[in-house]
Amino acid sequence: KNYGALLGLFMGISSMIKSMTTGTMGDQTFIMPWVSILPRVL
């Protein structure tokens, strides 16, 4: 589970970076770290 949390963290950071460059209007919300990162860590 601890490695799972780290992978979730990396997924969240990656999606946040992705949403800054491309994506639909709905995807732009993932610029916010509490949307892109926190749920993925949990």
PDB file of all heavy atoms in Angstrom:
ATOM      1  N   LYS A   1       0.815  -1.221   0.000  1.00  0.00           N
ATOM      2  CA  LYS A   1       0.000   0.000   0.000  1.00  0.00           C
ATOM      3  C   LYS A   1       0.846   1.268   0.000  1.00  0.00           C
ATOM      4  O   LYS A   1       0.434   2.287  -0.573  1.00  0.00           O
ATOM      5  CB  LYS A   1      -0.955   0.001   1.187  1.00  0.00           C
ATOM      6  CG  LYS A   1      -0.311  -0.170   2.544  1.00  0.00           C
ATOM      7  CD  LYS A   1      -1.365  -0.242   3.639  1.00  0.00           C
ATOM      8  CE  LYS A   1      -0.740  -0.445   5.017  1.00  0.00           C
ATOM      9  NZ  LYS A   1      -0.158  -1.815   5.141  1.00  0.00           N
ATOM     10  N   ASN A   2       2.015   1.230   0.640  1.00  0.00           N
ATOM     11  CA  ASN A   2       2.864   2.425   0.670  1.00  0.00           C
ATOM     12  C   ASN A   2       3.422   2.744  -0.720  1.00  0.00           C
ATOM     13  O   ASN A   2       3.462   3.909  -1.125  1.00  0.00           O
ATOM     14  CB  ASN A   2       4.009   2.230   1.664  1.00  0.00           C
ATOM     15  CG  ASN A   2       3.510   2.090   3.089  1.00  0.00           C
ATOM     16  OD1 ASN A   2       2.545   2.740   3.478  1.00  0.00           O
ATOM     17  ND2 ASN A   2       4.143   1.235   3.871  1.00  0.00           N
ATOM     18  N   TYR A   3       3.834   1.712  -1.440  1.00  0.00           N
ATOM     19  CA  TYR A   3       4.282   1.912  -2.817  1.00  0.00           C
ATOM     20  C   TYR A   3       3.102   2.340  -3.683  1.00  0.00           C
ATOM     21  O   TYR A   3       3.259   3.127  -4.624  1.00  0.00           O
ATOM     22  CB  TYR A   3       4.910   0.639  -3.372  1.00  0.00           C
ATOM     23  CG  TYR A   3       6.287   0.355  -2.830  1.00  0.00           C
ATOM     24  CD1 TYR A   3       6.463  -0.407  -1.682  1.00  0.00           C
ATOM     25  CD2 TYR A   3       7.423   0.849  -3.464  1.00  0.00           C
ATOM     26  CE1 TYR A   3       7.739  -0.675  -1.175  1.00  0.00           C
ATOM     27  CE2 TYR A   3       8.691   0.590  -2.977  1.00  0.00           C
ATOM     28  CZ  TYR A   3       8.849  -0.165  -1.829  1.00  0.00           C
ATOM     29  OH  TYR A   3      10.101  -0.420  -1.335  1.00  0.00           O
ATOM     30  N   GLY A   4       1.915   1.815  -3.380  1.00  0.00           N
ATOM     31  CA  GLY A   4       0.714   2.241  -4.104  1.00  0.00           C
ATOM     32  C   GLY A   4       0.456   3.720  -3.940  1.00  0.00           C
ATOM     33  O   GLY A   4       0.090   4.413  -4.897  1.00  0.00           O
ATOM     34  N   ALA A   5       0.665   4.227  -2.711  1.00  0.00           N
ATOM     35  CA  ALA A   5       0.491   5.663  -2.462  1.00  0.00           C
ATOM     36  C   ALA A   5       1.502   6.480  -3.259  1.00  0.00           C
ATOM     37  O   ALA A   5       1.169   7.540  -3.804  1.00  0.00           O
ATOM     38  CB  ALA A   5       0.631   5.949  -0.967  1.00  0.00           C
ATOM     39  N   LEU A   6       2.743   5.986  -3.338  1.00  0.00           N
ATOM     40  CA  LEU A   6       3.766   6.695  -4.110  1.00  0.00           C
ATOM     41  C   LEU A   6       3.431   6.706  -5.599  1.00  0.00           C
ATOM     42  O   LEU A   6       3.621   7.718  -6.281  1.00  0.00           O
ATOM     43  CB  LEU A   6       5.132   6.045  -3.879  1.00  0.00           C
ATOM     44  CG  LEU A   6       5.751   6.250  -2.488  1.00  0.00           C
ATOM     45  CD1 LEU A   6       7.029   5.430  -2.345  1.00  0.00           C
ATOM     46  CD2 LEU A   6       6.032   7.725  -2.244  1.00  0.00           C
ATOM     47  N   LEU A   7       2.929   5.585  -6.101  1.00  0.00           N
ATOM     48  CA  LEU A   7       2.512   5.537  -7.501  1.00  0.00           C
ATOM     49  C   LEU A   7       1.329   6.475  -7.742  1.00  0.00           C
ATOM     50  O   LEU A   7       1.235   7.134  -8.780  1.00  0.00           O
ATOM     51  CB  LEU A   7       2.149   4.106  -7.897  1.00  0.00           C
ATOM     52  CG  LEU A   7       3.325   3.141  -8.066  1.00  0.00           C
ATOM     53  CD1 LEU A   7       2.816   1.714  -8.252  1.00  0.00           C
ATOM     54  CD2 LEU A   7       4.200   3.554  -9.238  1.00  0.00           C
ATOM     55  N   GLY A   8       0.407   6.530  -6.769  1.00  0.00           N
ATOM     56  CA  GLY A   8      -0.706   7.462  -6.869  1.00  0.00           C
ATOM     57  C   GLY A   8      -0.227   8.906  -6.884  1.00  0.00           C
ATOM     58  O   GLY A   8      -0.750   9.734  -7.622  1.00  0.00           O
ATOM     59  N   LEU A   9       0.788   9.183  -6.062  1.00  0.00           N
ATOM     60  CA  LEU A   9       1.384  10.523  -6.047  1.00  0.00           C
ATOM     61  C   LEU A   9       1.970  10.873  -7.412  1.00  0.00           C
ATOM     62  O   LEU A   9       1.745  11.975  -7.931  1.00  0.00           O
ATOM     63  CB  LEU A   9       2.472  10.588  -4.977  1.00  0.00           C
ATOM     64  CG  LEU A   9       3.313  11.877  -4.915  1.00  0.00           C
ATOM     65  CD1 LEU A   9       2.444  13.071  -4.545  1.00  0.00           C
ATOM     66  CD2 LEU A   9       4.468  11.719  -3.923  1.00  0.00           C
ATOM     67  N   PHE A  10       2.696   9.934  -8.006  1.00  0.00           N
ATOM     68  CA  PHE A  10       3.306  10.173  -9.316  1.00  0.00           C
ATOM     69  C   PHE A  10       2.234  10.331 -10.386  1.00  0.00           C
ATOM     70  O   PHE A  10       2.351  11.182 -11.279  1.00  0.00           O
ATOM     71  CB  PHE A  10       4.260   9.033  -9.671  1.00  0.00           C
ATOM     72  CG  PHE A  10       5.112   9.311 -10.869  1.00  0.00           C
ATOM     73  CD1 PHE A  10       6.148  10.227 -10.811  1.00  0.00           C
ATOM     74  CD2 PHE A  10       4.875   8.659 -12.069  1.00  0.00           C
ATOM     75  CE1 PHE A  10       6.933  10.498 -11.920  1.00  0.00           C
ATOM     76  CE2 PHE A  10       5.656   8.918 -13.195  1.00  0.00           C
ATOM     77  CZ  PHE A  10       6.691   9.836 -13.109  1.00  0.00           C
ATOM     78  N   MET A  11       1.171   9.543 -10.289  1.00  0.00           N
ATOM     79  CA  MET A  11       0.056   9.677 -11.230  1.00  0.00           C
ATOM     80  C   MET A  11      -0.582  11.058 -11.104  1.00  0.00           C
ATOM     81  O   MET A  11      -0.891  11.712 -12.116  1.00  0.00           O
ATOM     82  CB  MET A  11      -0.998   8.597 -10.944  1.00  0.00           C
ATOM     83  CG  MET A  11      -2.268   8.720 -11.773  1.00  0.00           C
ATOM     84  SD  MET A  11      -3.552   7.556 -11.237  1.00  0.00           S
ATOM     85  CE  MET A  11      -4.897   8.010 -12.349  1.00  0.00           C
ATOM     86  N   GLY A  12      -0.769  11.526  -9.864  1.00  0.00           N
ATOM     87  CA  GLY A  12      -1.380  12.823  -9.639  1.00  0.00           C
ATOM     88  C   GLY A  12      -0.539  13.970 -10.172  1.00  0.00           C
ATOM     89  O   GLY A  12      -1.050  14.882 -10.826  1.00  0.00           O
ATOM     90  N   ILE A  13       0.766  13.917  -9.897  1.00  0.00           N
ATOM     91  CA  ILE A  13       1.661  14.963 -10.394  1.00  0.00           C
ATOM     92  C   ILE A  13       1.683  14.971 -11.919  1.00  0.00           C
ATOM     93  O   ILE A  13       1.650  16.034 -12.546  1.00  0.00           O
ATOM     94  CB  ILE A  13       3.083  14.765  -9.828  1.00  0.00           C
ATOM     95  CG1 ILE A  13       3.086  14.988  -8.312  1.00  0.00           C
ATOM     96  CG2 ILE A  13       4.074  15.710 -10.504  1.00  0.00           C
ATOM     97  CD1 ILE A  13       4.390  14.631  -7.643  1.00  0.00           C
ATOM     98  N   SER A  14       1.721  13.788 -12.515  1.00  0.00           N
ATOM     99  CA  SER A  14       1.740  13.688 -13.978  1.00  0.00           C
ATOM    100  C   SER A  14       0.468  14.257 -14.589  1.00  0.00           C
ATOM    101  O   SER A  14       0.515  14.987 -15.587  1.00  0.00           O
ATOM    102  CB  SER A  14       1.917  12.221 -14.401  1.00  0.00           C
ATOM    103  OG  SER A  14       3.134  11.691 -13.927  1.00  0.00           O
ATOM    104  N   SER A  15      -0.685  13.933 -13.995  1.00  0.00           N
ATOM    105  CA  SER A  15      -1.946  14.437 -14.544  1.00  0.00           C
ATOM    106  C   SER A  15      -2.070  15.943 -14.360  1.00  0.00           C
ATOM    107  O   SER A  15      -2.655  16.634 -15.198  1.00  0.00           O
ATOM    108  CB  SER A  15      -3.138  13.723 -13.893  1.00  0.00           C
ATOM    109  OG  SER A  15      -3.241  14.050 -12.523  1.00  0.00           O
ATOM    110  N   MET A  16      -1.499  16.468 -13.261  1.00  0.00           N
ATOM    111  CA  MET A  16      -1.524  17.914 -13.050  1.00  0.00           C
ATOM    112  C   MET A  16      -0.704  18.620 -14.128  1.00  0.00           C
ATOM    113  O   MET A  16      -1.143  19.629 -14.695  1.00  0.00           O
ATOM    114  CB  MET A  16      -0.977  18.259 -11.660  1.00  0.00           C
ATOM    115  CG  MET A  16      -1.032  19.739 -11.333  1.00  0.00           C
ATOM    116  SD  MET A  16      -0.544  20.131  -9.631  1.00  0.00           S
ATOM    117  CE  MET A  16       1.200  19.697  -9.694  1.00  0.00           C
ATOM    118  N   ILE A  17       0.486  18.083 -14.425  1.00  0.00           N
ATOM    119  CA  ILE A  17       1.321  18.663 -15.480  1.00  0.00           C
ATOM    120  C   ILE A  17       0.630  18.552 -16.835  1.00  0.00           C
ATOM    121  O   ILE A  17       0.625  19.494 -17.631  1.00  0.00           O
ATOM    122  CB  ILE A  17       2.695  17.964 -15.516  1.00  0.00           C
ATOM    123  CG1 ILE A  17       3.457  18.220 -14.212  1.00  0.00           C
ATOM    124  CG2 ILE A  17       3.520  18.446 -16.714  1.00  0.00           C
ATOM    125  CD1 ILE A  17       4.723  17.408 -14.069  1.00  0.00           C
ATOM    126  N   LYS A  18       0.014  17.398 -17.077  1.00  0.00           N
ATOM    127  CA  LYS A  18      -0.699  17.180 -18.332  1.00  0.00           C
ATOM    128  C   LYS A  18      -1.831  18.196 -18.511  1.00  0.00           C
ATOM    129  O   LYS A  18      -2.026  18.755 -19.599  1.00  0.00           O
ATOM    130  CB  LYS A  18      -1.273  15.761 -18.348  1.00  0.00           C
ATOM    131  CG  LYS A  18      -2.167  15.430 -19.523  1.00  0.00           C
ATOM    132  CD  LYS A  18      -1.388  15.114 -20.753  1.00  0.00           C
ATOM    133  CE  LYS A  18      -2.290  14.559 -21.840  1.00  0.00           C
ATOM    134  NZ  LYS A  18      -1.548  14.280 -23.088  1.00  0.00           N
ATOM    135  N   SER A  19      -2.582  18.455 -17.436  1.00  0.00           N
ATOM    136  CA  SER A  19      -3.719  19.363 -17.530  1.00  0.00           C
ATOM    137  C   SER A  19      -3.295  20.810 -17.763  1.00  0.00           C
ATOM    138  O   SER A  19      -4.084  21.625 -18.233  1.00  0.00           O
ATOM    139  CB  SER A  19      -4.559  19.286 -16.249  1.00  0.00           C
ATOM    140  OG  SER A  19      -3.835  19.788 -15.138  1.00  0.00           O
ATOM    141  N   MET A  20      -2.030  21.127 -17.453  1.00  0.00           N
ATOM    142  CA  MET A  20      -1.536  22.489 -17.691  1.00  0.00           C
ATOM    143  C   MET A  20      -1.261  22.760 -19.164  1.00  0.00           C
ATOM    144  O   MET A  20      -1.176  23.912 -19.586  1.00  0.00           O
ATOM    145  CB  MET A  20      -0.235  22.710 -16.902  1.00  0.00           C
ATOM    146  CG  MET A  20      -0.395  22.742 -15.396  1.00  0.00           C
ATOM    147  SD  MET A  20       1.212  22.886 -14.583  1.00  0.00           S
ATOM    148  CE  MET A  20       0.718  22.890 -12.857  1.00  0.00           C
ATOM    149  N   THR A  21      -1.110  21.694 -19.936  1.00  0.00           N
ATOM    150  CA  THR A  21      -0.709  21.860 -21.330  1.00  0.00           C
ATOM    151  C   THR A  21      -1.806  21.494 -22.316  1.00  0.00           C
ATOM    152  O   THR A  21      -1.946  22.132 -23.353  1.00  0.00           O
ATOM    153  CB  THR A  21       0.534  21.006 -21.635  1.00  0.00           C
ATOM    154  OG1 THR A  21       0.258  19.628 -21.317  1.00  0.00           O
ATOM    155  CG2 THR A  21       1.714  21.464 -20.795  1.00  0.00           C
ATOM    156  N   THR A  22      -2.549  20.459 -21.998  1.00  0.00           N
ATOM    157  CA  THR A  22      -3.592  20.003 -22.925  1.00  0.00           C
ATOM    158  C   THR A  22      -4.810  19.582 -22.128  1.00  0.00           C
ATOM    159  O   THR A  22      -4.820  19.604 -20.912  1.00  0.00           O
ATOM    160  CB  THR A  22      -3.116  18.801 -23.768  1.00  0.00           C
ATOM    161  OG1 THR A  22      -2.734  17.733 -22.885  1.00  0.00           O
ATOM    162  CG2 THR A  22      -1.952  19.176 -24.646  1.00  0.00           C
ATOM    163  N   GLY A  23      -5.828  19.161 -22.853  1.00  0.00           N
ATOM    164  CA  GLY A  23      -7.008  18.630 -22.175  1.00  0.00           C
ATOM    165  C   GLY A  23      -8.251  19.455 -22.433  1.00  0.00           C
ATOM    166  O   GLY A  23      -8.205  20.581 -22.913  1.00  0.00           O
ATOM    167  N   THR A  24      -9.387  18.879 -22.089  1.00  0.00           N
ATOM    168  CA  THR A  24     -10.667  19.537 -22.259  1.00  0.00           C
ATOM    169  C   THR A  24     -10.886  20.522 -21.113  1.00  0.00           C
ATOM    170  O   THR A  24     -10.094  20.606 -20.174  1.00  0.00           O
ATOM    171  CB  THR A  24     -11.788  18.495 -22.262  1.00  0.00           C
ATOM    172  OG1 THR A  24     -11.822  17.859 -20.965  1.00  0.00           O
ATOM    173  CG2 THR A  24     -11.549  17.429 -23.324  1.00  0.00           C
ATOM    174  N   MET A  25     -11.992  21.264 -21.164  1.00  0.00           N
ATOM    175  CA  MET A  25     -12.294  22.216 -20.101  1.00  0.00           C
ATOM    176  C   MET A  25     -12.410  21.503 -18.759  1.00  0.00           C
ATOM    177  O   MET A  25     -11.915  21.987 -17.737  1.00  0.00           O
ATOM    178  CB  MET A  25     -13.594  22.959 -20.402  1.00  0.00           C
ATOM    179  CG  MET A  25     -13.951  23.994 -19.350  1.00  0.00           C
ATOM    180  SD  MET A  25     -15.445  24.936 -19.740  1.00  0.00           S
ATOM    181  CE  MET A  25     -16.693  23.701 -19.478  1.00  0.00           C
ATOM    182  N   GLY A  26     -13.030  20.343 -18.767  1.00  0.00           N
ATOM    183  CA  GLY A  26     -13.158  19.585 -17.527  1.00  0.00           C
ATOM    184  C   GLY A  26     -11.818  19.135 -16.981  1.00  0.00           C
ATOM    185  O   GLY A  26     -11.616  19.071 -15.769  1.00  0.00           O
ATOM    186  N   ASP A  27     -10.878  18.837 -17.875  1.00  0.00           N
ATOM    187  CA  ASP A  27      -9.545  18.398 -17.443  1.00  0.00           C
ATOM    188  C   ASP A  27      -8.753  19.524 -16.792  1.00  0.00           C
ATOM    189  O   ASP A  27      -7.846  19.269 -15.997  1.00  0.00           O
ATOM    190  CB  ASP A  27      -8.759  17.852 -18.635  1.00  0.00           C
ATOM    191  CG  ASP A  27      -9.321  16.536 -19.143  1.00  0.00           C
ATOM    192  OD1 ASP A  27      -9.972  15.833 -18.344  1.00  0.00           O
ATOM    193  OD2 ASP A  27      -9.118  16.213 -20.325  1.00  0.00           O
ATOM    194  N   GLN A  28      -9.061  20.772 -17.148  1.00  0.00           N
ATOM    195  CA  GLN A  28      -8.303  21.889 -16.597  1.00  0.00           C
ATOM    196  C   GLN A  28      -8.429  21.995 -15.079  1.00  0.00           C
ATOM    197  O   GLN A  28      -7.559  22.563 -14.415  1.00  0.00           O
ATOM    198  CB  GLN A  28      -8.768  23.205 -17.243  1.00  0.00           C
ATOM    199  CG  GLN A  28      -8.548  23.282 -18.748  1.00  0.00           C
ATOM    200  CD  GLN A  28      -7.086  23.133 -19.137  1.00  0.00           C
ATOM    201  OE1 GLN A  28      -6.215  23.763 -18.529  1.00  0.00           O
ATOM    202  NE2 GLN A  28      -6.818  22.309 -20.123  1.00  0.00           N
ATOM    203  N   THR A  29      -9.487  21.438 -14.534  1.00  0.00           N
ATOM    204  CA  THR A  29      -9.673  21.467 -13.082  1.00  0.00           C
ATOM    205  C   THR A  29      -8.567  20.697 -12.370  1.00  0.00           C
ATOM    206  O   THR A  29      -8.263  20.971 -11.209  1.00  0.00           O
ATOM    207  CB  THR A  29     -11.052  20.877 -12.727  1.00  0.00           C
ATOM    208  OG1 THR A  29     -12.051  21.521 -13.519  1.00  0.00           O
ATOM    209  CG2 THR A  29     -11.384  21.090 -11.268  1.00  0.00           C
ATOM    210  N   PHE A  30      -7.944  19.745 -13.061  1.00  0.00           N
ATOM    211  CA  PHE A  30      -6.896  18.937 -12.449  1.00  0.00           C
ATOM    212  C   PHE A  30      -5.587  19.711 -12.278  1.00  0.00           C
ATOM    213  O   PHE A  30      -4.616  19.153 -11.771  1.00  0.00           O
ATOM    214  CB  PHE A  30      -6.666  17.664 -13.271  1.00  0.00           C
ATOM    215  CG  PHE A  30      -7.776  16.667 -13.139  1.00  0.00           C
ATOM    216  CD1 PHE A  30      -8.842  16.671 -14.028  1.00  0.00           C
ATOM    217  CD2 PHE A  30      -7.758  15.737 -12.119  1.00  0.00           C
ATOM    218  CE1 PHE A  30      -9.878  15.764 -13.894  1.00  0.00           C
ATOM    219  CE2 PHE A  30      -8.788  14.824 -11.978  1.00  0.00           C
ATOM    220  CZ  PHE A  30      -9.857  14.836 -12.865  1.00  0.00           C
ATOM    221  N   ILE A  31      -5.582  20.972 -12.666  1.00  0.00           N
ATOM    222  CA  ILE A  31      -4.433  21.836 -12.362  1.00  0.00           C
ATOM    223  C   ILE A  31      -4.304  22.001 -10.846  1.00  0.00           C
ATOM    224  O   ILE A  31      -3.200  22.142 -10.319  1.00  0.00           O
ATOM    225  CB  ILE A  31      -4.586  23.201 -13.047  1.00  0.00           C
ATOM    226  CG1 ILE A  31      -4.485  23.051 -14.570  1.00  0.00           C
ATOM    227  CG2 ILE A  31      -3.561  24.193 -12.540  1.00  0.00           C
ATOM    228  CD1 ILE A  31      -4.769  24.332 -15.331  1.00  0.00           C
ATOM    229  N   MET A  32      -5.432  21.939 -10.159  1.00  0.00           N
ATOM    230  CA  MET A  32      -5.431  22.096  -8.707  1.00  0.00           C
ATOM    231  C   MET A  32      -4.900  20.826  -8.043  1.00  0.00           C
ATOM    232  O   MET A  32      -5.440  19.745  -8.275  1.00  0.00           O
ATOM    233  CB  MET A  32      -6.845  22.403  -8.198  1.00  0.00           C
ATOM    234  CG  MET A  32      -7.475  23.610  -8.860  1.00  0.00           C
ATOM    235  SD  MET A  32      -6.458  25.106  -8.615  1.00  0.00           S
ATOM    236  CE  MET A  32      -7.358  26.302  -9.585  1.00  0.00           C
ATOM    237  N   PRO A  33      -3.868  20.931  -7.203  1.00  0.00           N
ATOM    238  CA  PRO A  33      -3.257  19.732  -6.614  1.00  0.00           C
ATOM    239  C   PRO A  33      -4.190  18.926  -5.725  1.00  0.00           C
ATOM    240  O   PRO A  33      -4.038  17.707  -5.614  1.00  0.00           O
ATOM    241  CB  PRO A  33      -2.062  20.284  -5.823  1.00  0.00           C
ATOM    242  CG  PRO A  33      -2.351  21.734  -5.628  1.00  0.00           C
ATOM    243  CD  PRO A  33      -3.149  22.165  -6.818  1.00  0.00           C
ATOM    244  N   TRP A  34      -5.170  19.591  -5.086  1.00  0.00           N
ATOM    245  CA  TRP A  34      -6.095  18.829  -4.242  1.00  0.00           C
ATOM    246  C   TRP A  34      -7.075  18.000  -5.075  1.00  0.00           C
ATOM    247  O   TRP A  34      -7.735  17.114  -4.544  1.00  0.00           O
ATOM    248  CB  TRP A  34      -6.862  19.757  -3.289  1.00  0.00           C
ATOM    249  CG  TRP A  34      -7.674  20.819  -3.961  1.00  0.00           C
ATOM    250  CD1 TRP A  34      -8.942  20.705  -4.454  1.00  0.00           C
ATOM    251  CD2 TRP A  34      -7.277  22.174  -4.215  1.00  0.00           C
ATOM    252  NE1 TRP A  34      -9.362  21.893  -5.008  1.00  0.00           N
ATOM    253  CE2 TRP A  34      -8.364  22.816  -4.864  1.00  0.00           C
ATOM    254  CE3 TRP A  34      -6.119  22.909  -3.947  1.00  0.00           C
ATOM    255  CZ2 TRP A  34      -8.302  24.153  -5.260  1.00  0.00           C
ATOM    256  CZ3 TRP A  34      -6.075  24.235  -4.334  1.00  0.00           C
ATOM    257  CH2 TRP A  34      -7.154  24.842  -4.987  1.00  0.00           C
ATOM    258  N   VAL A  35      -7.142  18.293  -6.371  1.00  0.00           N
ATOM    259  CA  VAL A  35      -7.964  17.485  -7.273  1.00  0.00           C
ATOM    260  C   VAL A  35      -7.127  16.399  -7.945  1.00  0.00           C
ATOM    261  O   VAL A  35      -7.550  15.241  -8.040  1.00  0.00           O
ATOM    262  CB  VAL A  35      -8.640  18.364  -8.351  1.00  0.00           C
ATOM    263  CG1 VAL A  35      -9.465  17.499  -9.315  1.00  0.00           C
ATOM    264  CG2 VAL A  35      -9.526  19.411  -7.696  1.00  0.00           C
ATOM    265  N   SER A  36      -5.941  16.753  -8.396  1.00  0.00           N
ATOM    266  CA  SER A  36      -5.118  15.817  -9.172  1.00  0.00           C
ATOM    267  C   SER A  36      -4.270  14.887  -8.303  1.00  0.00           C
ATOM    268  O   SER A  36      -4.069  13.727  -8.648  1.00  0.00           O
ATOM    269  CB  SER A  36      -4.192  16.598 -10.118  1.00  0.00           C
ATOM    270  OG  SER A  36      -3.384  17.497  -9.374  1.00  0.00           O
ATOM    271  N   ILE A  37      -3.778  15.378  -7.155  1.00  0.00           N
ATOM    272  CA  ILE A  37      -2.788  14.617  -6.388  1.00  0.00           C
ATOM    273  C   ILE A  37      -3.384  13.917  -5.174  1.00  0.00           C
ATOM    274  O   ILE A  37      -3.227  12.690  -5.016  1.00  0.00           O
ATOM    275  CB  ILE A  37      -1.629  15.538  -5.951  1.00  0.00           C
ATOM    276  CG1 ILE A  37      -0.900  16.084  -7.176  1.00  0.00           C
ATOM    277  CG2 ILE A  37      -0.657  14.779  -5.043  1.00  0.00           C
ATOM    278  CD1 ILE A  37       0.203  17.083  -6.860  1.00  0.00           C
ATOM    279  N   LEU A  38      -4.057  14.662  -4.306  1.00  0.00           N
ATOM    280  CA  LEU A  38      -4.532  14.097  -3.041  1.00  0.00           C
ATOM    281  C   LEU A  38      -5.395  12.845  -3.215  1.00  0.00           C
ATOM    282  O   LEU A  38      -5.143  11.818  -2.559  1.00  0.00           O
ATOM    283  CB  LEU A  38      -5.285  15.166  -2.241  1.00  0.00           C
ATOM    284  CG  LEU A  38      -5.848  14.722  -0.889  1.00  0.00           C
ATOM    285  CD1 LEU A  38      -4.732  14.223   0.018  1.00  0.00           C
ATOM    286  CD2 LEU A  38      -6.625  15.861  -0.225  1.00  0.00           C
ATOM    287  N   PRO A  39      -6.416  12.856  -4.100  1.00  0.00           N
ATOM    288  CA  PRO A  39      -7.235  11.647  -4.249  1.00  0.00           C
ATOM    289  C   PRO A  39      -6.443  10.454  -4.774  1.00  0.00           C
ATOM    290  O   PRO A  39      -6.713   9.308  -4.400  1.00  0.00           O
ATOM    291  CB  PRO A  39      -8.308  12.068  -5.271  1.00  0.00           C
ATOM    292  CG  PRO A  39      -8.282  13.546  -5.280  1.00  0.00           C
ATOM    293  CD  PRO A  39      -6.891  13.950  -4.967  1.00  0.00           C
ATOM    294  N   ARG A  40      -5.434  10.716  -5.624  1.00  0.00           N
ATOM    295  CA  ARG A  40      -4.659   9.626  -6.207  1.00  0.00           C
ATOM    296  C   ARG A  40      -3.753   8.976  -5.172  1.00  0.00           C
ATOM    297  O   ARG A  40      -3.514   7.757  -5.210  1.00  0.00           O
ATOM    298  CB  ARG A  40      -3.829  10.145  -7.377  1.00  0.00           C
ATOM    299  CG  ARG A  40      -4.510  10.114  -8.752  1.00  0.00           C
ATOM    300  CD  ARG A  40      -5.803  10.927  -8.803  1.00  0.00           C
ATOM    301  NE  ARG A  40      -6.473  10.827 -10.076  1.00  0.00           N
ATOM    302  CZ  ARG A  40      -6.202  11.601 -11.132  1.00  0.00           C
ATOM    303  NH1 ARG A  40      -5.276  12.532 -11.067  1.00  0.00           N
ATOM    304  NH2 ARG A  40      -6.889  11.438 -12.252  1.00  0.00           N
ATOM    305  N   VAL A  41      -3.210   9.777  -4.238  1.00  0.00           N
ATOM    306  CA  VAL A  41      -2.389   9.204  -3.160  1.00  0.00           C
ATOM    307  C   VAL A  41      -3.242   8.275  -2.295  1.00  0.00           C
ATOM    308  O   VAL A  41      -2.848   7.139  -1.987  1.00  0.00           O
ATOM    309  CB  VAL A  41      -1.757  10.316  -2.303  1.00  0.00           C
ATOM    310  CG1 VAL A  41      -1.023   9.716  -1.097  1.00  0.00           C
ATOM    311  CG2 VAL A  41      -0.786  11.148  -3.137  1.00  0.00           C
ATOM    312  N   LEU A  42      -4.423   8.756  -1.905  1.00  0.00           N
ATOM    313  CA  LEU A  42      -5.328   7.935  -1.100  1.00  0.00           C
ATOM    314  C   LEU A  42      -5.776   6.693  -1.855  1.00  0.00           C
ATOM    315  O   LEU A  42      -5.838   5.595  -1.293  1.00  0.00           O
ATOM    316  CB  LEU A  42      -6.552   8.768  -0.696  1.00  0.00           C
ATOM    317  CG  LEU A  42      -6.294   9.924   0.271  1.00  0.00           C
ATOM    318  CD1 LEU A  42      -7.560  10.767   0.441  1.00  0.00           C
ATOM    319  CD2 LEU A  42      -5.822   9.404   1.615  1.00  0.00           C
TER     320      LEU A  42
END
